[in-house]
Amino acid sequence: MTTEESTSYSGAMIMLTATNYTLWRPRMEDLLSCKDLFDPVESNGKNPDPAKELEWKKSNRKTIGHIRQWIDHSVFHHVAQETDAYALWKKLEEMYQAKTARNKALLMRRSVNMKLKNGTSVAEHTSEYQSLVNQLSSVEMPLGDEMQALLLLTCPYHREPRKTTGETTKG
């Protein structure tokens, strides 16, 4: 094995939580592809070469291990019993990319009610907003450029209440 092959993935992989699936998924696809472990997912869990069954089972198990490494504890229990990489992948997709009316409404509400928080940079805010826009697109509810601009421009600035010490009011 060459040094290049034994080097671990050094990208900025993130833990899957209940709110970041659309960001996590393409990074996980890249990670699995770099490690030659995306085949069990890409081939819908079907071994393309029955003569290599033992190799396939090993690859499937490694894929599950790599995916689970990057799943937060709050999500892990939902997929802990999965023994097939493709089934695990599909379950996560169904959980977090559901195209239900409830999920669409929740995403839309989050985008409409989003506020620029005190101490957050504009870059962080727009990145979070773009994540919501991407999530809406993934559930077949894309926002046009004009709607995105309108929602961003009407986004209120959230100010923390000022704390004053030692002030008294005279009545």
C-alpha atoms as a PDB file:
ATOM      1  CA  MET A   1       0.000   0.000   0.000  1.00  0.00           C
ATOM      2  CA  THR A   2       1.373   3.388  -0.974  1.00  0.00           C
ATOM      3  CA  THR A   3       1.513   6.349   1.366  1.00  0.00           C
ATOM      4  CA  GLU A   4      -1.193   8.042  -0.686  1.00  0.00           C
ATOM      5  CA  GLU A   5      -3.531   5.063  -0.285  1.00  0.00           C
ATOM      6  CA  SER A   6      -2.993   4.813   3.468  1.00  0.00           C
ATOM      7  CA  THR A   7      -3.544   8.512   4.115  1.00  0.00           C
ATOM      8  CA  SER A   8      -6.871   9.122   5.767  1.00  0.00           C
ATOM      9  CA  TYR A   9      -9.454  11.495   4.358  1.00  0.00           C
ATOM     10  CA  SER A  10      -8.460  14.977   5.450  1.00  0.00           C
ATOM     11  CA  GLY A  11     -11.479  16.899   4.184  1.00  0.00           C
ATOM     12  CA  ALA A  12     -13.760  18.855   6.454  1.00  0.00           C
ATOM     13  CA  MET A  13     -16.299  16.112   7.134  1.00  0.00           C
ATOM     14  CA  ILE A  14     -19.125  17.034   9.462  1.00  0.00           C
ATOM     15  CA  MET A  15     -21.338  14.986  11.772  1.00  0.00           C
ATOM     16  CA  LEU A  16     -24.858  14.352  10.517  1.00  0.00           C
ATOM     17  CA  THR A  17     -27.428  16.018  12.754  1.00  0.00           C
ATOM     18  CA  ALA A  18     -31.158  16.434  12.377  1.00  0.00           C
ATOM     19  CA  THR A  19     -30.678  19.728  10.488  1.00  0.00           C
ATOM     20  CA  ASN A  20     -27.691  19.398   8.139  1.00  0.00           C
ATOM     21  CA  TYR A  21     -28.431  16.447   5.846  1.00  0.00           C
ATOM     22  CA  THR A  22     -28.188  18.441   2.595  1.00  0.00           C
ATOM     23  CA  LEU A  23     -24.711  19.604   3.556  1.00  0.00           C
ATOM     24  CA  TRP A  24     -23.616  16.235   4.982  1.00  0.00           C
ATOM     25  CA  ARG A  25     -24.763  14.029   2.084  1.00  0.00           C
ATOM     26  CA  PRO A  26     -22.493  15.283  -0.747  1.00  0.00           C
ATOM     27  CA  ARG A  27     -19.523  15.338   1.629  1.00  0.00           C
ATOM     28  CA  MET A  28     -20.228  11.755   2.661  1.00  0.00           C
ATOM     29  CA  GLU A  29     -20.553  10.736  -1.001  1.00  0.00           C
ATOM     30  CA  ASP A  30     -17.120  12.291  -1.649  1.00  0.00           C
ATOM     31  CA  LEU A  31     -15.615  10.586   1.385  1.00  0.00           C
ATOM     32  CA  LEU A  32     -16.951   7.169   0.394  1.00  0.00           C
ATOM     33  CA  SER A  33     -15.863   7.656  -3.231  1.00  0.00           C
ATOM     34  CA  CYS A  34     -12.325   8.640  -2.179  1.00  0.00           C
ATOM     35  CA  LYS A  35     -12.110   5.454  -0.130  1.00  0.00           C
ATOM     36  CA  ASP A  36     -13.657   3.287  -2.888  1.00  0.00           C
ATOM     37  CA  LEU A  37     -16.597   2.493  -0.627  1.00  0.00           C
ATOM     38  CA  PHE A  38     -19.496   4.040  -2.545  1.00  0.00           C
ATOM     39  CA  ASP A  39     -20.239   0.907  -4.630  1.00  0.00           C
ATOM     40  CA  PRO A  40     -22.636  -0.704  -2.104  1.00  0.00           C
ATOM     41  CA  VAL A  41     -24.722   2.487  -2.131  1.00  0.00           C
ATOM     42  CA  GLU A  42     -24.385   3.249  -5.836  1.00  0.00           C
ATOM     43  CA  SER A  43     -25.380  -0.254  -6.927  1.00  0.00           C
ATOM     44  CA  ASN A  44     -28.548  -0.238  -4.803  1.00  0.00           C
ATOM     45  CA  GLY A  45     -27.068  -2.848  -2.463  1.00  0.00           C
ATOM     46  CA  LYS A  46     -26.792  -5.496  -5.169  1.00  0.00           C
ATOM     47  CA  ASN A  47     -23.496  -7.280  -5.687  1.00  0.00           C
ATOM     48  CA  PRO A  48     -22.578  -6.889  -9.382  1.00  0.00           C
ATOM     49  CA  ASP A  49     -20.198  -9.898  -9.239  1.00  0.00           C
ATOM     50  CA  PRO A  50     -21.531 -12.899  -7.251  1.00  0.00           C
ATOM     51  CA  ALA A  51     -18.121 -14.562  -7.582  1.00  0.00           C
ATOM     52  CA  LYS A  52     -16.738 -11.912  -5.215  1.00  0.00           C
ATOM     53  CA  GLU A  53     -19.392 -12.275  -2.481  1.00  0.00           C
ATOM     54  CA  LEU A  54     -16.949 -12.185   0.452  1.00  0.00           C
ATOM     55  CA  GLU A  55     -15.268  -9.041  -0.922  1.00  0.00           C
ATOM     56  CA  TRP A  56     -18.693  -7.449  -1.404  1.00  0.00           C
ATOM     57  CA  LYS A  57     -19.786  -8.196   2.171  1.00  0.00           C
ATOM     58  CA  LYS A  58     -16.547  -6.707   3.498  1.00  0.00           C
ATOM     59  CA  SER A  59     -16.994  -3.564   1.392  1.00  0.00           C
ATOM     60  CA  ASN A  60     -20.625  -3.247   2.534  1.00  0.00           C
ATOM     61  CA  ARG A  61     -19.565  -3.518   6.188  1.00  0.00           C
ATOM     62  CA  LYS A  62     -16.772  -0.924   5.740  1.00  0.00           C
ATOM     63  CA  THR A  63     -19.220   1.451   4.057  1.00  0.00           C
ATOM     64  CA  ILE A  64     -21.651   1.139   6.968  1.00  0.00           C
ATOM     65  CA  GLY A  65     -18.809   1.802   9.403  1.00  0.00           C
ATOM     66  CA  HIS A  66     -17.667   4.920   7.573  1.00  0.00           C
ATOM     67  CA  ILE A  67     -21.185   6.326   7.345  1.00  0.00           C
ATOM     68  CA  ARG A  68     -21.938   5.650  11.012  1.00  0.00           C
ATOM     69  CA  GLN A  69     -18.681   7.322  12.078  1.00  0.00           C
ATOM     70  CA  TRP A  70     -20.132  10.607  10.889  1.00  0.00           C
ATOM     71  CA  ILE A  71     -23.611  10.308  12.391  1.00  0.00           C
ATOM     72  CA  ASP A  72     -24.366  12.220  15.583  1.00  0.00           C
ATOM     73  CA  HIS A  73     -25.617  10.275  18.603  1.00  0.00           C
ATOM     74  CA  SER A  74     -28.999  11.983  18.327  1.00  0.00           C
ATOM     75  CA  VAL A  75     -29.473  10.394  14.885  1.00  0.00           C
ATOM     76  CA  PHE A  76     -27.550   7.142  15.313  1.00  0.00           C
ATOM     77  CA  HIS A  77     -30.317   5.204  17.076  1.00  0.00           C
ATOM     78  CA  HIS A  78     -32.507   5.548  13.966  1.00  0.00           C
ATOM     79  CA  VAL A  79     -30.042   3.545  11.868  1.00  0.00           C
ATOM     80  CA  ALA A  80     -28.189   1.436  14.436  1.00  0.00           C
ATOM     81  CA  GLN A  81     -29.815  -1.821  13.301  1.00  0.00           C
ATOM     82  CA  GLU A  82     -29.128  -1.418   9.569  1.00  0.00           C
ATOM     83  CA  THR A  83     -26.801  -4.094   8.157  1.00  0.00           C
ATOM     84  CA  ASP A  84     -26.962  -3.054   4.507  1.00  0.00           C
ATOM     85  CA  ALA A  85     -25.183   0.121   3.344  1.00  0.00           C
ATOM     86  CA  TYR A  86     -27.801   0.902   0.706  1.00  0.00           C
ATOM     87  CA  ALA A  87     -30.679   0.445   3.187  1.00  0.00           C
ATOM     88  CA  LEU A  88     -28.858   2.714   5.668  1.00  0.00           C
ATOM     89  CA  TRP A  89     -28.353   5.377   2.980  1.00  0.00           C
ATOM     90  CA  LYS A  90     -32.006   5.226   1.889  1.00  0.00           C
ATOM     91  CA  LYS A  91     -33.261   5.400   5.469  1.00  0.00           C
ATOM     92  CA  LEU A  92     -31.263   8.584   6.094  1.00  0.00           C
ATOM     93  CA  GLU A  93     -32.548  10.015   2.823  1.00  0.00           C
ATOM     94  CA  GLU A  94     -36.151   9.228   3.748  1.00  0.00           C
ATOM     95  CA  MET A  95     -35.729  10.736   7.204  1.00  0.00           C
ATOM     96  CA  TYR A  96     -34.121  14.006   6.150  1.00  0.00           C
ATOM     97  CA  GLN A  97     -35.069  14.587   2.559  1.00  0.00           C
ATOM     98  CA  ALA A  98     -38.720  13.690   2.813  1.00  0.00           C
ATOM     99  CA  LYS A  99     -40.873  15.560   0.340  1.00  0.00           C
ATOM    100  CA  THR A 100     -43.841  15.675   2.675  1.00  0.00           C
ATOM    101  CA  ALA A 101     -46.001  18.754   3.068  1.00  0.00           C
ATOM    102  CA  ARG A 102     -44.975  18.958   6.743  1.00  0.00           C
ATOM    103  CA  ASN A 103     -41.265  18.983   5.903  1.00  0.00           C
ATOM    104  CA  LYS A 104     -41.761  21.554   3.151  1.00  0.00           C
ATOM    105  CA  ALA A 105     -43.750  23.797   5.512  1.00  0.00           C
ATOM    106  CA  LEU A 106     -41.093  23.461   8.225  1.00  0.00           C
ATOM    107  CA  LEU A 107     -38.302  24.419   5.809  1.00  0.00           C
ATOM    108  CA  MET A 108     -40.282  27.345   4.442  1.00  0.00           C
ATOM    109  CA  ARG A 109     -41.102  28.572   7.956  1.00  0.00           C
ATOM    110  CA  ARG A 110     -37.420  28.373   8.916  1.00  0.00           C
ATOM    111  CA  SER A 111     -36.430  30.412   5.849  1.00  0.00           C
ATOM    112  CA  VAL A 112     -39.116  33.066   6.423  1.00  0.00           C
ATOM    113  CA  ASN A 113     -38.409  33.367  10.164  1.00  0.00           C
ATOM    114  CA  MET A 114     -34.638  33.397   9.848  1.00  0.00           C
ATOM    115  CA  LYS A 115     -32.941  36.286  11.631  1.00  0.00           C
ATOM    116  CA  LEU A 116     -29.434  37.683  11.454  1.00  0.00           C
ATOM    117  CA  LYS A 117     -28.249  36.930  14.965  1.00  0.00           C
ATOM    118  CA  ASN A 118     -26.081  39.208  17.038  1.00  0.00           C
ATOM    119  CA  GLY A 119     -22.442  38.110  16.747  1.00  0.00           C
ATOM    120  CA  THR A 120     -23.001  36.190  13.507  1.00  0.00           C
ATOM    121  CA  SER A 121     -21.247  37.383  10.373  1.00  0.00           C
ATOM    122  CA  VAL A 122     -23.192  38.120   7.216  1.00  0.00           C
ATOM    123  CA  ALA A 123     -21.228  35.338   5.497  1.00  0.00           C
ATOM    124  CA  GLU A 124     -22.353  32.808   8.125  1.00  0.00           C
ATOM    125  CA  HIS A 125     -25.933  34.039   7.851  1.00  0.00           C
ATOM    126  CA  THR A 126     -26.041  33.800   4.050  1.00  0.00           C
ATOM    127  CA  SER A 127     -24.418  30.357   4.218  1.00  0.00           C
ATOM    128  CA  GLU A 128     -27.122  29.167   6.621  1.00  0.00           C
ATOM    129  CA  TYR A 129     -29.756  30.737   4.379  1.00  0.00           C
ATOM    130  CA  GLN A 130     -28.308  29.038   1.276  1.00  0.00           C
ATOM    131  CA  SER A 131     -28.452  25.720   3.126  1.00  0.00           C
ATOM    132  CA  LEU A 132     -32.195  26.243   3.638  1.00  0.00           C
ATOM    133  CA  VAL A 133     -32.624  27.180  -0.038  1.00  0.00           C
ATOM    134  CA  ASN A 134     -30.779  23.974  -1.020  1.00  0.00           C
ATOM    135  CA  GLN A 135     -32.964  21.919   1.300  1.00  0.00           C
ATOM    136  CA  LEU A 136     -36.087  23.422  -0.243  1.00  0.00           C
ATOM    137  CA  SER A 137     -34.781  22.569  -3.725  1.00  0.00           C
ATOM    138  CA  SER A 138     -34.065  18.994  -2.647  1.00  0.00           C
ATOM    139  CA  VAL A 139     -37.720  18.553  -1.646  1.00  0.00           C
ATOM    140  CA  GLU A 140     -38.834  19.924  -5.014  1.00  0.00           C
ATOM    141  CA  MET A 141     -39.725  23.373  -3.730  1.00  0.00           C
ATOM    142  CA  PRO A 142     -37.096  25.623  -5.291  1.00  0.00           C
ATOM    143  CA  LEU A 143     -37.153  29.348  -4.630  1.00  0.00           C
ATOM    144  CA  GLY A 144     -36.519  31.586  -7.610  1.00  0.00           C
ATOM    145  CA  ASP A 145     -33.791  34.221  -7.481  1.00  0.00           C
ATOM    146  CA  GLU A 146     -36.298  37.024  -6.864  1.00  0.00           C
ATOM    147  CA  MET A 147     -37.939  35.184  -3.959  1.00  0.00           C
ATOM    148  CA  GLN A 148     -34.532  34.402  -2.436  1.00  0.00           C
ATOM    149  CA  ALA A 149     -33.506  38.045  -2.654  1.00  0.00           C
ATOM    150  CA  LEU A 150     -36.805  39.207  -1.175  1.00  0.00           C
ATOM    151  CA  LEU A 151     -36.551  36.807   1.767  1.00  0.00           C
ATOM    152  CA  LEU A 152     -32.932  37.772   2.405  1.00  0.00           C
ATOM    153  CA  LEU A 153     -33.624  41.509   2.208  1.00  0.00           C
ATOM    154  CA  THR A 154     -36.582  41.302   4.569  1.00  0.00           C
ATOM    155  CA  CYS A 155     -34.655  39.240   7.101  1.00  0.00           C
ATOM    156  CA  PRO A 156     -34.817  41.038  10.441  1.00  0.00           C
ATOM    157  CA  TYR A 157     -31.793  41.613  12.597  1.00  0.00           C
ATOM    158  CA  HIS A 158     -32.121  39.921  15.957  1.00  0.00           C
ATOM    159  CA  ARG A 159     -30.763  42.022  18.772  1.00  0.00           C
ATOM    160  CA  GLU A 160     -30.227  40.649  22.224  1.00  0.00           C
ATOM    161  CA  PRO A 161     -31.864  42.775  24.905  1.00  0.00           C
ATOM    162  CA  ARG A 162     -29.356  45.073  26.548  1.00  0.00           C
ATOM    163  CA  LYS A 163     -28.462  44.225  30.067  1.00  0.00           C
ATOM    164  CA  THR A 164     -28.087  47.199  32.270  1.00  0.00           C
ATOM    165  CA  THR A 165     -26.612  47.089  35.700  1.00  0.00           C
ATOM    166  CA  GLY A 166     -27.238  49.458  38.519  1.00  0.00           C
ATOM    167  CA  GLU A 167     -29.898  51.479  36.744  1.00  0.00           C
ATOM    168  CA  THR A 168     -32.959  52.439  38.660  1.00  0.00           C
ATOM    169  CA  THR A 169     -36.055  54.116  37.456  1.00  0.00           C
ATOM    170  CA  LYS A 170     -37.656  56.925  39.363  1.00  0.00           C
ATOM    171  CA  GLY A 171     -41.351  57.208  39.216  1.00  0.00           C
END
